[in-house]
Amino acid sequence: MGEQVEYEDVEAQYLEDRSLRRTAGPVLLWGLGVGYVISGDYFGWNFGLNAGGFGGLLIATVFMATLYVTMIFSIAEMATAMPVAGGPYAFARRALGPWGGYITGLAVTIEYVVAPAVIATGIGGYVAGMFPAAPPWVEIWVPVIAYAMFVGVSLMGSRVSLALLLVITIISVLVLLVWAAAVLPHVEWSRVLDMAPSAGNSNFLPRGMEGIVAALPAAGWFYLAIEGVPLAAEETRNPARDLPRGMIAAMLSLVAFSVLALALAPAAAGTTALATSDNPLPAAIEAVSGRGTIYWITTVVGLAGLVASFFGIIFAYSRQIFSLSRAGYFPRWLSRTNRNRAPHWALIVPAIVGYAIIRVVDGFNDGAVATGDLLMQIAVFAALISYVMMMVSHMLLRRRAPELVRPYRTPGYPFTPIIALVLSLIAMTSSLFYGEAALAVVLGTAAMMAVGMLYFGLYSRHRLVAEAPEEEASVVRAAEAELDA
């Protein structure tokens, strides 16, 4: 077939055992998109203050917001043209062949398995902040409880999961707005420049131009995982109409929320105080008004922000793994669904792996960089690989597949995907400016990619499933080409 892969035919029962339910509309998709990401406003973004100071993180955030907005416009077109659960893998599979599809899907899988691990450390940090001196069990058991609870809810199926996620997301948005209203009267803009600059640099850019690049992963954390909304395509009632509406509304909402967090928190508590904080929003309100009502609302109820993303990305990784497994790229048993039509093994196994990654990275960490920060470097680097692959796929699909029905077309094409592609390539260099620890985990990510590619090259590419939705169009197209030849 010219693609150096081999297919196996399966019975109809194979796909019946791996089917999903259509329950989502644009509001649920907005909740899914915002829910994936909103933890970035509560935790993680502030590590960029440590990397580049306020000015460095501000410029990095403008850079990453531009990347994500242009990318979402591109993904919206591909998602409506190919409304299948594979999402990023499906786009690249159609444009770049099975190897390109697999590499993209593998990168997204690593991103989505590691991202909940980052958030789990953030949840632990928020819980630890409730105690004058955090007991030892918080670090170990809070992530375990979080994984067990929300994998358990996800096993109940998409109708329950998406509805609950929407409720949690709305609560987290309201808490963020209450926090912003409480902090605003106390801001002093001089506090954002309180970080002592290194030699030859200013208070605005205390780490110089290199600090801008080093802050890119933390700035990306404001928006990371929004690209996962198309993974719910097979559970969307009207993908052609609802996917673009939900995705674009979620992206614009997230840009507004990131402005609130970045502008107000350092102006309340100071850049230096927040640079390494495990709970930046509670720390900001505590700095201006003590541990009063708003502090406890932000800390306790504000956990909803971290929970929303934790819960949402668990949904996302299960759907990406489900689609790759259903098509034979990953072990097929991972795509089996339970009586609620939830892919149970694709929910449970990555949760175990994610928690193991927390323990491994923490065990090797010398403390110079926070464990959550190092995990974030892994997730963002893997995400950027998939972004490059998707933007290349978008441009190739316009040329090679003009027959595709495109209910939504990207505004500003071809400049829109080109901007996202170039910015993604630049952002991939950020670990070079962040220190040895960040470079080490990025190299570890590359090693994970290499192992995954070895598995595909030696084993799974010989056992793909021709009837999988993401593969079916390519199989038909290849057969037609052989007939023409």
Protein backbone atom coordinates (compact mmCIF):
# COMPACT_ATOMS: atom_id res chain seq x y z
CA MET A 1 0.00 0.00 0.00
CA GLY A 2 3.05 2.25 -0.06
CA GLU A 3 2.71 3.18 3.61
CA GLN A 4 4.81 0.35 5.06
CA VAL A 5 2.03 -0.80 7.37
CA GLU A 6 -0.15 -3.89 7.44
CA TYR A 7 -3.84 -4.11 8.30
CA GLU A 8 -5.99 -6.75 9.89
CA ASP A 9 -9.74 -6.92 9.32
CA VAL A 10 -11.96 -7.19 12.38
CA GLU A 11 -15.56 -8.21 12.96
CA ALA A 12 -18.35 -5.69 13.54
CA GLN A 13 -18.39 -6.59 17.24
CA TYR A 14 -14.87 -5.14 17.57
CA LEU A 15 -16.12 -1.61 16.89
CA GLU A 16 -19.34 -2.19 18.83
CA ASP A 17 -17.22 -2.93 21.91
CA ARG A 18 -15.41 0.35 21.29
CA SER A 19 -18.22 2.83 20.64
CA LEU A 20 -18.98 6.16 22.35
CA ARG A 21 -22.20 8.15 22.95
CA ARG A 22 -23.05 11.54 21.43
CA THR A 23 -24.02 13.84 24.29
CA ALA A 24 -22.09 17.13 23.92
CA GLY A 25 -23.23 20.48 22.52
CA PRO A 26 -21.36 23.81 22.32
CA VAL A 27 -21.86 24.69 26.00
CA LEU A 28 -20.46 21.35 27.19
CA LEU A 29 -17.57 21.75 24.71
CA TRP A 30 -16.87 25.24 26.09
CA GLY A 31 -16.85 23.70 29.56
CA LEU A 32 -14.54 20.95 28.37
CA GLY A 33 -12.13 23.40 26.74
CA VAL A 34 -12.02 25.81 29.68
CA GLY A 35 -12.00 22.92 32.12
CA TYR A 36 -8.96 21.35 30.44
CA VAL A 37 -6.96 24.51 30.99
CA ILE A 38 -8.24 26.65 33.84
CA SER A 39 -5.88 25.12 36.39
CA GLY A 40 -3.23 27.11 34.53
CA ASP A 41 -4.68 30.25 36.11
CA TYR A 42 -4.53 28.73 39.59
CA PHE A 43 -1.13 27.07 39.51
CA GLY A 44 1.97 26.70 37.33
CA TRP A 45 2.00 29.95 35.38
CA ASN A 46 3.86 31.63 38.21
CA PHE A 47 6.95 29.48 37.61
CA GLY A 48 7.45 31.76 34.61
CA LEU A 49 8.08 34.61 37.05
CA ASN A 50 11.04 32.66 38.36
CA ALA A 51 12.29 32.06 34.83
CA GLY A 52 11.91 35.55 33.37
CA GLY A 53 10.50 37.97 35.92
CA PHE A 54 7.23 39.80 35.32
CA GLY A 55 8.28 41.35 32.02
CA GLY A 56 9.66 38.09 30.69
CA LEU A 57 6.48 36.20 31.55
CA LEU A 58 4.28 38.98 30.17
CA ILE A 59 6.00 38.93 26.78
CA ALA A 60 6.06 35.12 26.81
CA THR A 61 2.31 35.06 27.49
CA VAL A 62 1.57 37.33 24.54
CA PHE A 63 3.73 35.02 22.43
CA MET A 64 1.96 31.84 23.59
CA ALA A 65 -1.53 33.37 23.43
CA THR A 66 -0.85 34.21 19.77
CA LEU A 67 0.36 30.64 19.18
CA TYR A 68 -2.74 29.07 20.72
CA VAL A 69 -5.29 31.38 19.13
CA THR A 70 -3.90 30.81 15.64
CA MET A 71 -3.59 27.09 16.28
CA ILE A 72 -7.19 26.76 17.49
CA PHE A 73 -8.48 28.41 14.31
CA SER A 74 -6.51 25.82 12.32
CA ILE A 75 -7.60 22.86 14.43
CA ALA A 76 -11.26 23.92 14.18
CA GLU A 77 -11.14 23.41 10.41
CA MET A 78 -9.57 19.95 10.65
CA ALA A 79 -11.89 18.89 13.47
CA THR A 80 -15.03 19.63 11.46
CA ALA A 81 -13.61 17.95 8.37
CA MET A 82 -12.60 14.83 10.37
CA PRO A 83 -14.90 14.60 13.42
CA VAL A 84 -13.42 11.45 14.97
CA ALA A 85 -12.11 10.67 18.46
CA GLY A 86 -8.50 10.59 17.25
CA GLY A 87 -8.29 14.39 17.07
CA PRO A 88 -4.65 15.39 16.52
CA TYR A 89 -3.61 11.85 15.56
CA ALA A 90 -6.41 11.66 12.98
CA PHE A 91 -5.43 14.98 11.38
CA ALA A 92 -1.78 13.98 11.02
CA ARG A 93 -2.71 10.44 9.94
CA ARG A 94 -4.66 11.78 6.99
CA ALA A 95 -1.97 14.28 5.96
CA LEU A 96 1.31 12.57 6.90
CA GLY A 97 0.54 8.88 6.84
CA PRO A 98 0.66 6.32 9.66
CA TRP A 99 4.08 7.33 10.97
CA GLY A 100 3.12 11.01 11.14
CA GLY A 101 -0.19 10.14 12.75
CA TYR A 102 1.43 7.89 15.29
CA ILE A 103 4.15 10.39 16.27
CA THR A 104 1.51 13.09 16.74
CA GLY A 105 -0.73 10.81 18.78
CA LEU A 106 2.19 9.63 20.89
CA ALA A 107 3.23 13.22 21.66
CA VAL A 108 -0.34 14.12 22.65
CA THR A 109 -0.51 11.00 24.83
CA ILE A 110 2.66 11.96 26.70
CA GLU A 111 1.36 15.52 27.11
CA TYR A 112 -2.00 14.39 28.47
CA VAL A 113 -0.62 11.69 30.77
CA VAL A 114 1.93 14.08 32.31
CA ALA A 115 -0.33 17.17 32.52
CA PRO A 116 -2.61 15.64 35.21
CA ALA A 117 0.54 14.73 37.12
CA VAL A 118 1.51 18.42 37.11
CA ILE A 119 -1.96 19.37 38.31
CA ALA A 120 -1.89 16.67 40.99
CA THR A 121 1.20 18.32 42.49
CA GLY A 122 -0.69 21.63 42.35
CA ILE A 123 -3.67 20.13 44.18
CA GLY A 124 -1.23 18.84 46.79
CA GLY A 125 0.24 22.35 47.09
CA TYR A 126 -3.18 23.92 47.64
CA VAL A 127 -4.06 21.34 50.29
CA ALA A 128 -0.67 21.79 51.95
CA GLY A 129 -1.30 25.54 52.09
CA MET A 130 -4.29 24.92 54.38
CA PHE A 131 -1.96 23.74 57.14
CA PRO A 132 0.55 25.84 59.11
CA ALA A 133 2.99 22.96 58.50
CA ALA A 134 1.83 20.41 55.94
CA PRO A 135 1.81 16.80 57.21
CA PRO A 136 3.88 14.25 55.22
CA TRP A 137 0.81 12.40 53.91
CA VAL A 138 -0.29 15.38 51.76
CA GLU A 139 2.45 14.96 49.16
CA ILE A 140 1.87 11.21 48.79
CA TRP A 141 -1.84 10.69 49.25
CA VAL A 142 -3.56 13.78 47.83
CA PRO A 143 -2.57 12.88 44.24
CA VAL A 144 -3.64 9.26 44.82
CA ILE A 145 -7.05 10.35 46.10
CA ALA A 146 -7.47 12.78 43.19
CA TYR A 147 -6.67 10.13 40.59
CA ALA A 148 -8.92 7.52 42.20
CA MET A 149 -11.85 9.92 42.56
CA PHE A 150 -11.90 11.36 39.07
CA VAL A 151 -10.99 8.23 37.16
CA GLY A 152 -13.91 6.67 39.06
CA VAL A 153 -16.29 9.41 37.92
CA SER A 154 -15.01 9.15 34.33
CA LEU A 155 -15.85 5.45 34.32
CA MET A 156 -19.53 6.49 34.59
CA GLY A 157 -19.49 7.69 30.97
CA SER A 158 -19.33 10.95 29.03
CA ARG A 159 -22.82 12.17 29.92
CA VAL A 160 -21.98 12.23 33.63
CA SER A 161 -18.37 13.29 33.14
CA LEU A 162 -19.03 16.27 30.85
CA ALA A 163 -21.99 17.52 32.87
CA LEU A 164 -20.02 17.38 36.13
CA LEU A 165 -17.00 18.95 34.46
CA LEU A 166 -19.18 21.85 33.27
CA VAL A 167 -20.40 22.47 36.83
CA ILE A 168 -16.87 22.35 38.27
CA THR A 169 -15.60 24.63 35.50
CA ILE A 170 -18.32 27.23 36.14
CA ILE A 171 -17.47 27.19 39.87
CA SER A 172 -13.77 27.65 39.14
CA VAL A 173 -14.49 30.58 36.80
CA LEU A 174 -16.69 32.26 39.43
CA VAL A 175 -14.02 31.82 42.11
CA LEU A 176 -11.42 33.34 39.80
CA LEU A 177 -13.66 36.36 39.21
CA VAL A 178 -14.37 36.75 42.95
CA TRP A 179 -10.64 36.55 43.64
CA ALA A 180 -9.90 39.19 41.00
CA ALA A 181 -12.54 41.56 42.41
CA ALA A 182 -11.11 41.14 45.92
CA VAL A 183 -7.50 41.68 44.87
CA LEU A 184 -8.04 44.60 42.49
CA PRO A 185 -8.40 47.37 45.14
CA HIS A 186 -5.07 46.35 46.70
CA VAL A 187 -2.81 46.15 43.66
CA GLU A 188 0.33 48.25 43.48
CA TRP A 189 1.98 48.00 40.10
CA SER A 190 5.42 48.71 41.52
CA ARG A 191 5.33 45.23 43.13
CA VAL A 192 5.54 43.52 39.76
CA LEU A 193 9.07 44.89 39.38
CA ASP A 194 10.41 43.82 42.79
CA MET A 195 12.62 40.99 41.47
CA ALA A 196 16.31 41.82 41.67
CA PRO A 197 17.80 41.79 38.14
CA SER A 198 20.89 39.84 37.18
CA ALA A 199 23.91 41.82 36.01
CA GLY A 200 23.14 44.22 33.20
CA ASN A 201 19.39 43.62 33.15
CA SER A 202 16.39 45.71 34.18
CA ASN A 203 13.67 45.16 36.78
CA PHE A 204 11.20 44.62 33.94
CA LEU A 205 13.37 41.90 32.38
CA PRO A 206 15.47 40.74 35.36
CA ARG A 207 16.69 37.68 33.43
CA GLY A 208 17.13 39.51 30.14
CA MET A 209 15.93 38.28 26.76
CA GLU A 210 16.79 34.69 27.68
CA GLY A 211 14.22 34.92 30.46
CA ILE A 212 11.46 35.46 27.90
CA VAL A 213 12.29 32.18 26.17
CA ALA A 214 12.71 30.36 29.48
CA ALA A 215 9.25 31.55 30.57
CA LEU A 216 7.48 30.17 27.48
CA PRO A 217 6.47 26.78 29.00
CA ALA A 218 4.88 28.47 32.02
CA ALA A 219 3.12 30.96 29.75
CA GLY A 220 1.89 28.05 27.65
CA TRP A 221 0.43 26.48 30.80
CA PHE A 222 -2.25 29.20 30.67
CA TYR A 223 -3.60 27.50 27.52
CA LEU A 224 -2.14 24.00 27.28
CA ALA A 225 -4.63 21.21 26.40
CA ILE A 226 -7.27 23.44 24.74
CA GLU A 227 -6.36 21.56 21.55
CA GLY A 228 -7.94 18.46 23.10
CA VAL A 229 -11.55 19.53 22.50
CA PRO A 230 -11.75 17.63 19.16
CA LEU A 231 -11.10 14.41 21.08
CA ALA A 232 -14.79 14.63 22.03
CA ALA A 233 -15.88 14.75 18.37
CA GLU A 234 -17.51 11.32 18.45
CA GLU A 235 -19.42 12.40 21.54
CA THR A 236 -20.60 15.71 20.00
CA ARG A 237 -24.15 15.88 18.66
CA ASN A 238 -23.40 18.23 15.74
CA PRO A 239 -19.60 18.39 15.21
CA ALA A 240 -19.74 20.69 12.17
CA ARG A 241 -21.54 23.41 14.11
CA ASP A 242 -20.65 22.79 17.75
CA LEU A 243 -16.91 22.08 17.64
CA PRO A 244 -15.81 25.49 16.27
CA ARG A 245 -18.20 27.37 18.54
CA GLY A 246 -17.11 25.54 21.67
CA MET A 247 -13.38 25.65 20.90
CA ILE A 248 -13.14 29.31 19.91
CA ALA A 249 -15.33 30.50 22.80
CA ALA A 250 -13.20 28.51 25.23
CA MET A 251 -9.95 29.90 23.80
CA LEU A 252 -11.09 33.53 24.03
CA SER A 253 -12.32 32.96 27.59
CA LEU A 254 -8.93 31.53 28.57
CA VAL A 255 -7.09 34.54 27.17
CA ALA A 256 -9.24 36.81 29.35
CA PHE A 257 -8.67 34.67 32.46
CA SER A 258 -4.89 34.62 31.91
CA VAL A 259 -4.86 38.43 31.80
CA LEU A 260 -6.55 38.54 35.23
CA ALA A 261 -4.15 36.12 36.89
CA LEU A 262 -0.97 37.52 35.38
CA ALA A 263 -1.83 41.19 35.89
CA LEU A 264 -3.28 41.07 39.40
CA ALA A 265 -1.45 38.39 41.39
CA PRO A 266 2.11 39.81 41.11
CA ALA A 267 0.72 43.33 41.68
CA ALA A 268 -0.78 42.13 44.95
CA ALA A 269 1.92 39.88 46.43
CA GLY A 270 4.97 40.84 44.39
CA THR A 271 6.75 38.93 41.66
CA THR A 272 9.44 37.54 43.95
CA ALA A 273 6.97 36.11 46.46
CA LEU A 274 4.97 34.28 43.78
CA ALA A 275 7.89 33.02 41.69
CA THR A 276 8.07 29.64 43.46
CA SER A 277 4.67 29.51 45.18
CA ASP A 278 2.65 26.28 45.15
CA ASN A 279 -0.61 28.25 45.47
CA PRO A 280 -0.17 31.69 43.83
CA LEU A 281 -3.76 32.95 43.96
CA PRO A 282 -4.28 32.24 47.69
CA ALA A 283 -0.79 33.64 48.32
CA ALA A 284 -1.75 36.87 46.55
CA ILE A 285 -4.96 37.38 48.51
CA GLU A 286 -3.21 36.45 51.78
CA ALA A 287 -0.59 39.11 51.11
CA VAL A 288 -3.17 41.89 50.88
CA SER A 289 -5.94 40.82 53.29
CA GLY A 290 -4.71 37.87 55.35
CA ARG A 291 -6.43 34.51 55.73
CA GLY A 292 -9.96 35.81 55.60
CA THR A 293 -13.06 34.67 53.74
CA ILE A 294 -11.71 35.32 50.24
CA TYR A 295 -8.49 33.47 51.07
CA TRP A 296 -10.40 30.36 52.09
CA ILE A 297 -12.79 30.62 49.14
CA THR A 298 -9.80 30.82 46.80
CA THR A 299 -8.01 27.98 48.55
CA VAL A 300 -10.82 25.52 49.23
CA VAL A 301 -13.41 26.30 46.56
CA GLY A 302 -10.61 27.37 44.23
CA LEU A 303 -9.45 23.78 44.20
CA ALA A 304 -12.25 23.42 41.65
CA GLY A 305 -9.97 25.15 39.15
CA LEU A 306 -7.29 22.51 39.50
CA VAL A 307 -9.85 19.73 39.73
CA ALA A 308 -11.56 20.88 36.52
CA SER A 309 -8.37 20.58 34.50
CA PHE A 310 -7.32 17.39 36.24
CA PHE A 311 -10.71 15.85 35.49
CA GLY A 312 -10.87 17.24 31.96
CA ILE A 313 -7.44 16.05 30.87
CA ILE A 314 -8.17 12.59 32.26
CA PHE A 315 -11.11 12.60 29.83
CA ALA A 316 -8.79 13.78 27.05
CA TYR A 317 -6.03 11.23 27.55
CA SER A 318 -8.55 8.41 27.65
CA ARG A 319 -10.00 9.44 24.28
CA GLN A 320 -6.62 9.86 22.58
CA ILE A 321 -5.43 6.49 23.88
CA PHE A 322 -8.81 4.96 23.00
CA SER A 323 -8.53 6.07 19.37
CA LEU A 324 -4.90 4.95 18.96
CA SER A 325 -5.70 1.61 20.55
CA ARG A 326 -8.88 1.07 18.51
CA ALA A 327 -6.80 1.54 15.36
CA GLY A 328 -4.09 -0.87 16.58
CA TYR A 329 -1.27 1.62 17.23
CA PHE A 330 -1.46 0.94 20.98
CA PRO A 331 -2.46 -2.44 22.49
CA ARG A 332 -6.06 -3.07 21.46
CA TRP A 333 -7.32 -3.97 24.93
CA LEU A 334 -6.85 -0.33 25.95
CA SER A 335 -9.81 0.69 23.78
CA ARG A 336 -12.44 -1.63 25.21
CA THR A 337 -15.39 0.24 26.73
CA ASN A 338 -17.52 -0.63 29.75
CA ARG A 339 -21.32 -0.71 29.95
CA ASN A 340 -21.32 3.11 30.25
CA ARG A 341 -19.36 3.34 26.98
CA ALA A 342 -16.31 4.68 28.81
CA PRO A 343 -12.87 3.33 27.78
CA HIS A 344 -12.03 1.94 31.22
CA TRP A 345 -8.49 0.68 30.62
CA ALA A 346 -7.59 3.91 28.80
CA LEU A 347 -8.65 5.73 31.97
CA ILE A 348 -7.03 3.51 34.59
CA VAL A 349 -3.63 2.61 33.12
CA PRO A 350 -2.48 6.20 32.33
CA ALA A 351 -3.49 7.28 35.86
CA ILE A 352 -1.11 4.69 37.30
CA VAL A 353 1.62 5.77 34.90
CA GLY A 354 1.05 9.46 35.69
CA TYR A 355 1.39 8.93 39.42
CA ALA A 356 4.52 6.84 38.87
CA ILE A 357 6.03 9.71 36.84
CA ILE A 358 5.43 12.09 39.77
CA ARG A 359 7.30 9.78 42.12
CA VAL A 360 10.17 9.16 39.68
CA VAL A 361 10.75 12.84 38.84
CA ASP A 362 10.43 13.83 42.49
CA GLY A 363 12.87 11.10 43.50
CA PHE A 364 15.55 12.33 41.09
CA ASN A 365 14.86 16.03 41.64
CA ASP A 366 17.60 17.89 43.51
CA GLY A 367 15.21 20.67 44.53
CA ALA A 368 16.69 23.41 42.34
CA VAL A 369 13.47 23.40 40.28
CA ALA A 370 10.06 22.41 41.67
CA THR A 371 8.84 18.94 40.69
CA GLY A 372 5.65 20.41 39.23
CA ASP A 373 7.76 22.77 37.13
CA LEU A 374 9.84 19.91 35.73
CA LEU A 375 6.73 17.89 34.92
CA MET A 376 5.36 20.96 33.14
CA GLN A 377 8.47 21.06 30.95
CA ILE A 378 7.71 17.50 29.81
CA ALA A 379 4.06 18.20 29.05
CA VAL A 380 4.73 21.44 27.15
CA PHE A 381 7.59 19.99 25.09
CA ALA A 382 5.47 16.99 24.04
CA ALA A 383 2.58 19.33 23.24
CA LEU A 384 4.77 21.50 21.01
CA ILE A 385 5.80 18.45 18.98
CA SER A 386 2.13 17.75 18.28
CA TYR A 387 1.46 21.40 17.42
CA VAL A 388 4.19 21.38 14.77
CA MET A 389 2.81 18.17 13.30
CA MET A 390 -0.77 19.46 13.26
CA MET A 391 0.06 22.75 11.58
CA VAL A 392 2.07 20.97 8.89
CA SER A 393 -0.89 18.60 8.49
CA HIS A 394 -3.32 21.49 8.05
CA MET A 395 -1.33 22.99 5.21
CA LEU A 396 -0.77 19.63 3.51
CA LEU A 397 -4.47 18.74 3.74
CA ARG A 398 -5.44 21.95 1.98
CA ARG A 399 -3.22 20.88 -0.94
CA ARG A 400 -3.62 17.12 -0.96
CA ALA A 401 -7.25 16.72 0.10
CA PRO A 402 -9.25 19.56 -1.47
CA GLU A 403 -12.25 17.21 -1.66
CA LEU A 404 -12.66 17.17 2.12
CA VAL A 405 -15.90 18.81 3.24
CA ARG A 406 -14.87 21.72 5.46
CA PRO A 407 -17.89 23.16 7.32
CA TYR A 408 -15.53 25.64 8.98
CA ARG A 409 -12.55 27.23 7.23
CA THR A 410 -9.63 28.85 9.04
CA PRO A 411 -9.60 32.66 8.75
CA GLY A 412 -6.36 34.13 7.45
CA TYR A 413 -5.11 30.92 5.88
CA PRO A 414 -2.22 30.21 5.15
CA PHE A 415 -0.76 32.78 7.53
CA THR A 416 -2.70 31.45 10.53
CA PRO A 417 -1.11 27.96 10.63
CA ILE A 418 2.28 29.35 9.58
CA ILE A 419 2.31 31.70 12.60
CA ALA A 420 1.39 28.83 14.93
CA LEU A 421 4.04 26.59 13.36
CA VAL A 422 6.87 29.12 13.63
CA LEU A 423 5.99 30.07 17.21
CA SER A 424 5.83 26.38 18.21
CA LEU A 425 9.32 25.76 16.82
CA ILE A 426 10.70 28.76 18.72
CA ALA A 427 9.02 27.65 21.95
CA MET A 428 10.63 24.21 21.70
CA THR A 429 14.01 25.80 22.46
CA SER A 430 12.90 27.08 25.88
CA SER A 431 14.51 24.26 27.92
CA LEU A 432 17.93 25.38 26.66
CA PHE A 433 17.49 28.57 28.67
CA TYR A 434 15.93 27.04 31.78
CA GLY A 435 18.79 25.03 33.22
CA GLU A 436 20.15 21.50 33.33
CA ALA A 437 17.17 19.97 35.15
CA ALA A 438 14.68 21.15 32.51
CA LEU A 439 16.94 20.00 29.70
CA ALA A 440 17.24 16.58 31.36
CA VAL A 441 13.48 16.00 31.51
CA VAL A 442 13.07 17.19 27.92
CA LEU A 443 15.69 14.66 26.86
CA GLY A 444 13.74 12.11 28.89
CA THR A 445 10.65 13.05 26.88
CA ALA A 446 12.58 12.48 23.66
CA ALA A 447 13.62 9.07 25.01
CA MET A 448 9.95 8.19 25.71
CA MET A 449 9.10 9.21 22.15
CA ALA A 450 11.90 7.00 20.83
CA VAL A 451 10.69 3.97 22.80
CA GLY A 452 7.15 4.52 21.54
CA MET A 453 8.36 4.78 17.94
CA LEU A 454 10.35 1.58 18.37
CA TYR A 455 7.18 -0.22 19.50
CA PHE A 456 5.35 1.02 16.43
CA GLY A 457 8.16 0.22 14.03
CA LEU A 458 8.74 -3.31 15.28
CA TYR A 459 5.26 -4.40 16.26
CA SER A 460 2.07 -2.40 15.98
CA ARG A 461 2.47 -1.08 12.41
CA HIS A 462 2.02 -4.68 11.26
CA ARG A 463 -1.28 -5.00 13.14
CA LEU A 464 -3.36 -1.91 12.36
CA VAL A 465 -7.16 -2.09 12.16
CA ALA A 466 -8.53 -1.25 8.73
CA GLU A 467 -12.06 -0.53 10.01
CA ALA A 468 -11.04 2.10 12.58
CA PRO A 469 -12.60 5.47 11.59
CA GLU A 470 -9.24 7.23 11.52
CA GLU A 471 -7.79 4.57 9.20
CA GLU A 472 -10.75 3.78 6.97
CA ALA A 473 -10.42 6.79 4.65
CA SER A 474 -6.71 6.16 4.14
CA VAL A 475 -7.28 2.49 3.38
CA VAL A 476 -9.94 3.33 0.78
CA ARG A 477 -7.77 6.04 -0.77
CA ALA A 478 -4.78 3.69 -1.03
CA ALA A 479 -6.92 0.94 -2.60
CA GLU A 480 -8.24 3.40 -5.20
CA ALA A 481 -4.69 4.48 -6.01
CA GLU A 482 -3.69 0.85 -6.57
CA LEU A 483 -6.65 0.32 -8.89
CA ASP A 484 -5.76 3.43 -10.87
CA ALA A 485 -2.18 2.23 -11.17
